[in-house]
Amino acid sequence: MRACLLALALFLSGCLPVAVLRSPEPVSGRSLAFGLSAVGAEGGAFLIPYATYAQGDGQTEYNFSVQLGLRVGVKQALTPGLSLDLGLTLPPFLGGDGVPLALDAGLLVGLGGFYLSPRVHWLGFTSQELNVSGFLYQGTLGYAGEGFLGEVGVLFNPQAGGAALFSLSAAVRL
C-alpha cells in the first residue's frame, strides 16, 4: 500500500504543478525563481526541483515553470491583491488514454505578505493503475517575502478514495 501511495505521489507531482510559488501580483519586468519542493503522501516523501521564469507588465504575467513537468501559464490581475492564474502542463509521465496534458486554474489571494491559492486541475488522460483522471483540487498557503517564497499545500484526489498529496516548497526569487 505504501509503495502504491508513493507511486501516486510521484505520478501526480509529475503531472501537476504541486508548488504554486507565485505572489498574487503579476511581475513588472522579468523574474526568475529557483527552489525545491518536498512532496509526500502516506508512503513517503521525495524532493522535486523547481524553476520558473516570468515576464509581465504588472497587470498580465506570462510564466514558464519546470517541476517534473513543463508548465506554461498566464496570470491576470483582477484587483490589487487578487489574480487569476491559468496554466497548461505537459507531464513527463503519460497516462493510458487521452490527451497527455493537464490544465489548472486558480486564484491568488493576497493577505498581507501571505497568499492563498485555491485551484482546480483537470487531467486530460487516465491512469488506470493509479486511479487518476478528471478533476483534482489543491489548496496552498504561502508567504512572499523580499526575494523569498515559501508555502505549504495539499492536493486532493477524490477518485483515489480521497488520497491527498502534501507539499512544502521554498524558492529564491531573483
C-alpha atoms as a PDB file:
ATOM      1  CA  MET A   1       0.000   0.000   0.000  1.00  0.00           C
ATOM      2  CA  ARG A   2       2.844   2.428   0.865  1.00  0.00           C
ATOM      3  CA  ALA A   3       4.524   1.756  -2.486  1.00  0.00           C
ATOM      4  CA  CYS A   4       1.256   2.477  -4.313  1.00  0.00           C
ATOM      5  CA  LEU A   5       0.804   5.775  -2.428  1.00  0.00           C
ATOM      6  CA  LEU A   6       4.401   6.792  -3.150  1.00  0.00           C
ATOM      7  CA  ALA A   7       3.881   5.949  -6.844  1.00  0.00           C
ATOM      8  CA  LEU A   8       0.702   8.054  -6.818  1.00  0.00           C
ATOM      9  CA  ALA A   9       2.597  10.973  -5.231  1.00  0.00           C
ATOM     10  CA  LEU A  10       5.385  10.761  -7.819  1.00  0.00           C
ATOM     11  CA  PHE A  11       2.898  10.455 -10.685  1.00  0.00           C
ATOM     12  CA  LEU A  12       0.766  13.408  -9.529  1.00  0.00           C
ATOM     13  CA  SER A  13       3.739  15.652  -8.853  1.00  0.00           C
ATOM     14  CA  GLY A  14       4.999  14.908 -12.358  1.00  0.00           C
ATOM     15  CA  CYS A  15       1.669  15.740 -13.976  1.00  0.00           C
ATOM     16  CA  LEU A  16       0.626  18.768 -11.913  1.00  0.00           C
ATOM     17  CA  PRO A  17       2.323  21.883 -10.576  1.00  0.00           C
ATOM     18  CA  VAL A  18       2.369  20.937  -6.890  1.00  0.00           C
ATOM     19  CA  ALA A  19       4.199  24.160  -5.993  1.00  0.00           C
ATOM     20  CA  VAL A  20       2.495  27.443  -6.873  1.00  0.00           C
ATOM     21  CA  LEU A  21       5.325  29.734  -5.659  1.00  0.00           C
ATOM     22  CA  ARG A  22       3.857  32.864  -7.281  1.00  0.00           C
ATOM     23  CA  SER A  23       2.824  36.021  -5.472  1.00  0.00           C
ATOM     24  CA  PRO A  24      -0.655  37.473  -6.140  1.00  0.00           C
ATOM     25  CA  GLU A  25       0.680  40.484  -8.048  1.00  0.00           C
ATOM     26  CA  PRO A  26       1.855  39.907 -11.646  1.00  0.00           C
ATOM     27  CA  VAL A  27       5.514  40.791 -12.146  1.00  0.00           C
ATOM     28  CA  SER A  28       6.523  44.037 -13.758  1.00  0.00           C
ATOM     29  CA  GLY A  29       9.563  43.206 -15.875  1.00  0.00           C
ATOM     30  CA  ARG A  30      11.258  39.824 -15.551  1.00  0.00           C
ATOM     31  CA  SER A  31      11.680  37.401 -12.682  1.00  0.00           C
ATOM     32  CA  LEU A  32      13.482  34.112 -12.071  1.00  0.00           C
ATOM     33  CA  ALA A  33      12.914  31.761  -9.147  1.00  0.00           C
ATOM     34  CA  PHE A  34      14.682  28.559  -8.150  1.00  0.00           C
ATOM     35  CA  GLY A  35      13.543  26.260  -5.391  1.00  0.00           C
ATOM     36  CA  LEU A  36      12.725  22.873  -4.040  1.00  0.00           C
ATOM     37  CA  SER A  37       9.537  21.051  -3.033  1.00  0.00           C
ATOM     38  CA  ALA A  38       9.298  18.260  -0.505  1.00  0.00           C
ATOM     39  CA  VAL A  39       6.334  16.170  -1.624  1.00  0.00           C
ATOM     40  CA  GLY A  40       4.882  13.372   0.423  1.00  0.00           C
ATOM     41  CA  ALA A  41       1.959  11.093   0.932  1.00  0.00           C
ATOM     42  CA  GLU A  42       1.387   8.361   3.490  1.00  0.00           C
ATOM     43  CA  GLY A  43       4.007   6.151   1.811  1.00  0.00           C
ATOM     44  CA  GLY A  44       6.996   8.512   1.997  1.00  0.00           C
ATOM     45  CA  ALA A  45       8.436  11.739   0.643  1.00  0.00           C
ATOM     46  CA  PHE A  46      10.846  12.956  -2.035  1.00  0.00           C
ATOM     47  CA  LEU A  47      12.331  16.248  -3.280  1.00  0.00           C
ATOM     48  CA  ILE A  48      11.474  17.937  -6.584  1.00  0.00           C
ATOM     49  CA  PRO A  49      13.474  20.861  -8.012  1.00  0.00           C
ATOM     50  CA  TYR A  50      11.546  23.934  -9.170  1.00  0.00           C
ATOM     51  CA  ALA A  51      12.454  26.729 -11.611  1.00  0.00           C
ATOM     52  CA  THR A  52      10.344  29.479 -13.151  1.00  0.00           C
ATOM     53  CA  TYR A  53      10.716  32.428 -15.478  1.00  0.00           C
ATOM     54  CA  ALA A  54       8.068  35.158 -15.557  1.00  0.00           C
ATOM     55  CA  GLN A  55       7.668  38.319 -17.598  1.00  0.00           C
ATOM     56  CA  GLY A  56       4.926  40.895 -17.333  1.00  0.00           C
ATOM     57  CA  ASP A  57       3.759  44.492 -17.196  1.00  0.00           C
ATOM     58  CA  GLY A  58       2.283  44.487 -13.675  1.00  0.00           C
ATOM     59  CA  GLN A  59      -1.207  43.591 -14.958  1.00  0.00           C
ATOM     60  CA  THR A  60      -0.566  40.488 -17.071  1.00  0.00           C
ATOM     61  CA  GLU A  61       2.212  37.980 -16.494  1.00  0.00           C
ATOM     62  CA  TYR A  62       3.372  35.126 -18.722  1.00  0.00           C
ATOM     63  CA  ASN A  63       5.293  32.386 -16.950  1.00  0.00           C
ATOM     64  CA  PHE A  64       7.093  29.153 -17.686  1.00  0.00           C
ATOM     65  CA  SER A  65       7.964  26.708 -14.906  1.00  0.00           C
ATOM     66  CA  VAL A  66       9.568  23.318 -14.578  1.00  0.00           C
ATOM     67  CA  GLN A  67       8.895  20.899 -11.734  1.00  0.00           C
ATOM     68  CA  LEU A  68       8.817  17.385 -13.103  1.00  0.00           C
ATOM     69  CA  GLY A  69       6.511  18.546 -15.890  1.00  0.00           C
ATOM     70  CA  LEU A  70       6.722  21.687 -18.032  1.00  0.00           C
ATOM     71  CA  ARG A  71       4.068  24.362 -17.352  1.00  0.00           C
ATOM     72  CA  VAL A  72       3.224  27.494 -19.327  1.00  0.00           C
ATOM     73  CA  GLY A  73       0.863  29.942 -17.718  1.00  0.00           C
ATOM     74  CA  VAL A  74      -0.667  33.371 -17.608  1.00  0.00           C
ATOM     75  CA  LYS A  75      -1.596  35.400 -14.540  1.00  0.00           C
ATOM     76  CA  GLN A  76      -4.026  38.327 -14.806  1.00  0.00           C
ATOM     77  CA  ALA A  77      -4.567  40.901 -12.064  1.00  0.00           C
ATOM     78  CA  LEU A  78      -8.271  41.270 -11.233  1.00  0.00           C
ATOM     79  CA  THR A  79      -7.953  43.791  -8.391  1.00  0.00           C
ATOM     80  CA  PRO A  80      -4.996  44.701  -6.147  1.00  0.00           C
ATOM     81  CA  GLY A  81      -4.040  41.534  -4.256  1.00  0.00           C
ATOM     82  CA  LEU A  82      -6.226  39.222  -6.394  1.00  0.00           C
ATOM     83  CA  SER A  83      -5.182  37.468  -9.608  1.00  0.00           C
ATOM     84  CA  LEU A  84      -6.434  34.676 -11.836  1.00  0.00           C
ATOM     85  CA  ASP A  85      -3.737  32.120 -12.699  1.00  0.00           C
ATOM     86  CA  LEU A  86      -4.161  29.656 -15.600  1.00  0.00           C
ATOM     87  CA  GLY A  87      -1.728  27.022 -16.825  1.00  0.00           C
ATOM     88  CA  LEU A  88      -1.100  24.101 -19.138  1.00  0.00           C
ATOM     89  CA  THR A  89       1.268  21.324 -18.024  1.00  0.00           C
ATOM     90  CA  LEU A  90       2.916  18.756 -20.274  1.00  0.00           C
ATOM     91  CA  PRO A  91       3.703  15.855 -17.939  1.00  0.00           C
ATOM     92  CA  PRO A  92       6.794  13.666 -18.327  1.00  0.00           C
ATOM     93  CA  PHE A  93       4.650  10.666 -17.257  1.00  0.00           C
ATOM     94  CA  LEU A  94       1.850   9.721 -19.595  1.00  0.00           C
ATOM     95  CA  GLY A  95      -1.360   8.026 -18.607  1.00  0.00           C
ATOM     96  CA  GLY A  96      -3.062   5.255 -20.501  1.00  0.00           C
ATOM     97  CA  ASP A  97      -5.765   7.009 -22.530  1.00  0.00           C
ATOM     98  CA  GLY A  98      -6.486  10.550 -23.599  1.00  0.00           C
ATOM     99  CA  VAL A  99      -4.585  13.767 -24.259  1.00  0.00           C
ATOM    100  CA  PRO A 100      -1.219  13.949 -22.430  1.00  0.00           C
ATOM    101  CA  LEU A 101      -1.710  17.290 -20.700  1.00  0.00           C
ATOM    102  CA  ALA A 102      -3.123  18.858 -17.576  1.00  0.00           C
ATOM    103  CA  LEU A 103      -4.867  22.225 -17.159  1.00  0.00           C
ATOM    104  CA  ASP A 104      -5.042  24.243 -13.956  1.00  0.00           C
ATOM    105  CA  ALA A 105      -6.967  27.334 -12.903  1.00  0.00           C
ATOM    106  CA  GLY A 106      -6.671  29.116  -9.609  1.00  0.00           C
ATOM    107  CA  LEU A 107      -6.923  32.338  -7.719  1.00  0.00           C
ATOM    108  CA  LEU A 108      -4.037  34.027  -5.949  1.00  0.00           C
ATOM    109  CA  VAL A 109      -5.381  35.994  -2.992  1.00  0.00           C
ATOM    110  CA  GLY A 110      -3.033  38.341  -1.141  1.00  0.00           C
ATOM    111  CA  LEU A 111      -3.275  38.512   2.643  1.00  0.00           C
ATOM    112  CA  GLY A 112      -0.522  40.981   3.567  1.00  0.00           C
ATOM    113  CA  GLY A 113       2.754  39.134   2.938  1.00  0.00           C
ATOM    114  CA  PHE A 114       0.841  35.845   2.776  1.00  0.00           C
ATOM    115  CA  TYR A 115      -1.159  34.428  -0.107  1.00  0.00           C
ATOM    116  CA  LEU A 116      -3.829  31.789  -0.513  1.00  0.00           C
ATOM    117  CA  SER A 117      -4.320  29.856  -3.737  1.00  0.00           C
ATOM    118  CA  PRO A 118      -7.330  27.577  -4.223  1.00  0.00           C
ATOM    119  CA  ARG A 119      -7.151  25.837  -7.592  1.00  0.00           C
ATOM    120  CA  VAL A 120      -8.583  23.039  -9.676  1.00  0.00           C
ATOM    121  CA  HIS A 121      -6.661  20.745 -12.044  1.00  0.00           C
ATOM    122  CA  TRP A 122      -8.026  18.756 -14.957  1.00  0.00           C
ATOM    123  CA  LEU A 123      -6.089  15.758 -16.268  1.00  0.00           C
ATOM    124  CA  GLY A 124      -6.635  15.098 -19.957  1.00  0.00           C
ATOM    125  CA  PHE A 125      -5.677  11.458 -19.603  1.00  0.00           C
ATOM    126  CA  THR A 126      -6.421   8.449 -17.411  1.00  0.00           C
ATOM    127  CA  SER A 127      -4.059   6.259 -15.430  1.00  0.00           C
ATOM    128  CA  GLN A 128      -5.907   3.034 -14.615  1.00  0.00           C
ATOM    129  CA  GLU A 129      -3.054   1.684 -12.462  1.00  0.00           C
ATOM    130  CA  LEU A 130      -3.208   4.671 -10.082  1.00  0.00           C
ATOM    131  CA  ASN A 131      -6.919   5.513 -10.453  1.00  0.00           C
ATOM    132  CA  VAL A 132      -6.185   9.096 -11.581  1.00  0.00           C
ATOM    133  CA  SER A 133      -8.332  11.038 -14.046  1.00  0.00           C
ATOM    134  CA  GLY A 134     -10.561  14.080 -14.314  1.00  0.00           C
ATOM    135  CA  PHE A 135     -10.538  16.803 -11.659  1.00  0.00           C
ATOM    136  CA  LEU A 136      -8.195  17.246  -8.688  1.00  0.00           C
ATOM    137  CA  TYR A 137      -8.306  20.062  -6.133  1.00  0.00           C
ATOM    138  CA  GLN A 138      -5.483  21.986  -4.486  1.00  0.00           C
ATOM    139  CA  GLY A 139      -5.147  24.469  -1.659  1.00  0.00           C
ATOM    140  CA  THR A 140      -1.958  26.409  -0.947  1.00  0.00           C
ATOM    141  CA  LEU A 141      -0.957  28.858   1.767  1.00  0.00           C
ATOM    142  CA  GLY A 142       2.250  30.756   1.118  1.00  0.00           C
ATOM    143  CA  TYR A 143       4.456  33.642   2.127  1.00  0.00           C
ATOM    144  CA  ALA A 144       6.018  36.037  -0.385  1.00  0.00           C
ATOM    145  CA  GLY A 145       8.912  37.909   1.206  1.00  0.00           C
ATOM    146  CA  GLU A 146      11.598  40.066  -0.391  1.00  0.00           C
ATOM    147  CA  GLY A 147      13.365  37.596  -2.689  1.00  0.00           C
ATOM    148  CA  PHE A 148      11.859  34.526  -0.965  1.00  0.00           C
ATOM    149  CA  LEU A 149       8.726  32.405  -1.421  1.00  0.00           C
ATOM    150  CA  GLY A 150       7.611  29.623   0.904  1.00  0.00           C
ATOM    151  CA  GLU A 151       4.404  27.597   1.024  1.00  0.00           C
ATOM    152  CA  VAL A 152       2.539  24.532   2.191  1.00  0.00           C
ATOM    153  CA  GLY A 153      -0.041  22.837   0.025  1.00  0.00           C
ATOM    154  CA  VAL A 154      -2.363  19.889  -0.293  1.00  0.00           C
ATOM    155  CA  LEU A 155      -3.597  18.248  -3.490  1.00  0.00           C
ATOM    156  CA  PHE A 156      -6.802  16.219  -3.106  1.00  0.00           C
ATOM    157  CA  ASN A 157      -7.722  13.360  -5.445  1.00  0.00           C
ATOM    158  CA  PRO A 158     -11.379  12.334  -4.960  1.00  0.00           C
ATOM    159  CA  GLN A 159     -11.075   9.456  -7.488  1.00  0.00           C
ATOM    160  CA  ALA A 160      -8.429   7.679  -5.376  1.00  0.00           C
ATOM    161  CA  GLY A 161     -10.570   7.427  -2.269  1.00  0.00           C
ATOM    162  CA  GLY A 162      -9.707  10.931  -1.143  1.00  0.00           C
ATOM    163  CA  ALA A 163      -5.927  10.455  -1.285  1.00  0.00           C
ATOM    164  CA  ALA A 164      -4.004  13.634  -0.502  1.00  0.00           C
ATOM    165  CA  LEU A 165      -0.562  14.780  -1.603  1.00  0.00           C
ATOM    166  CA  PHE A 166       1.154  17.231   0.742  1.00  0.00           C
ATOM    167  CA  SER A 167       3.941  19.608  -0.218  1.00  0.00           C
ATOM    168  CA  LEU A 168       6.323  22.035   1.459  1.00  0.00           C
ATOM    169  CA  SER A 169       8.044  24.335  -1.031  1.00  0.00           C
ATOM    170  CA  ALA A 170      10.504  27.215  -0.968  1.00  0.00           C
ATOM    171  CA  ALA A 171      12.179  29.314  -3.668  1.00  0.00           C
ATOM    172  CA  VAL A 172      14.596  32.196  -4.032  1.00  0.00           C
ATOM    173  CA  ARG A 173      13.271  34.880  -6.380  1.00  0.00           C
ATOM    174  CA  LEU A 174      15.759  36.875  -8.448  1.00  0.00           C
END
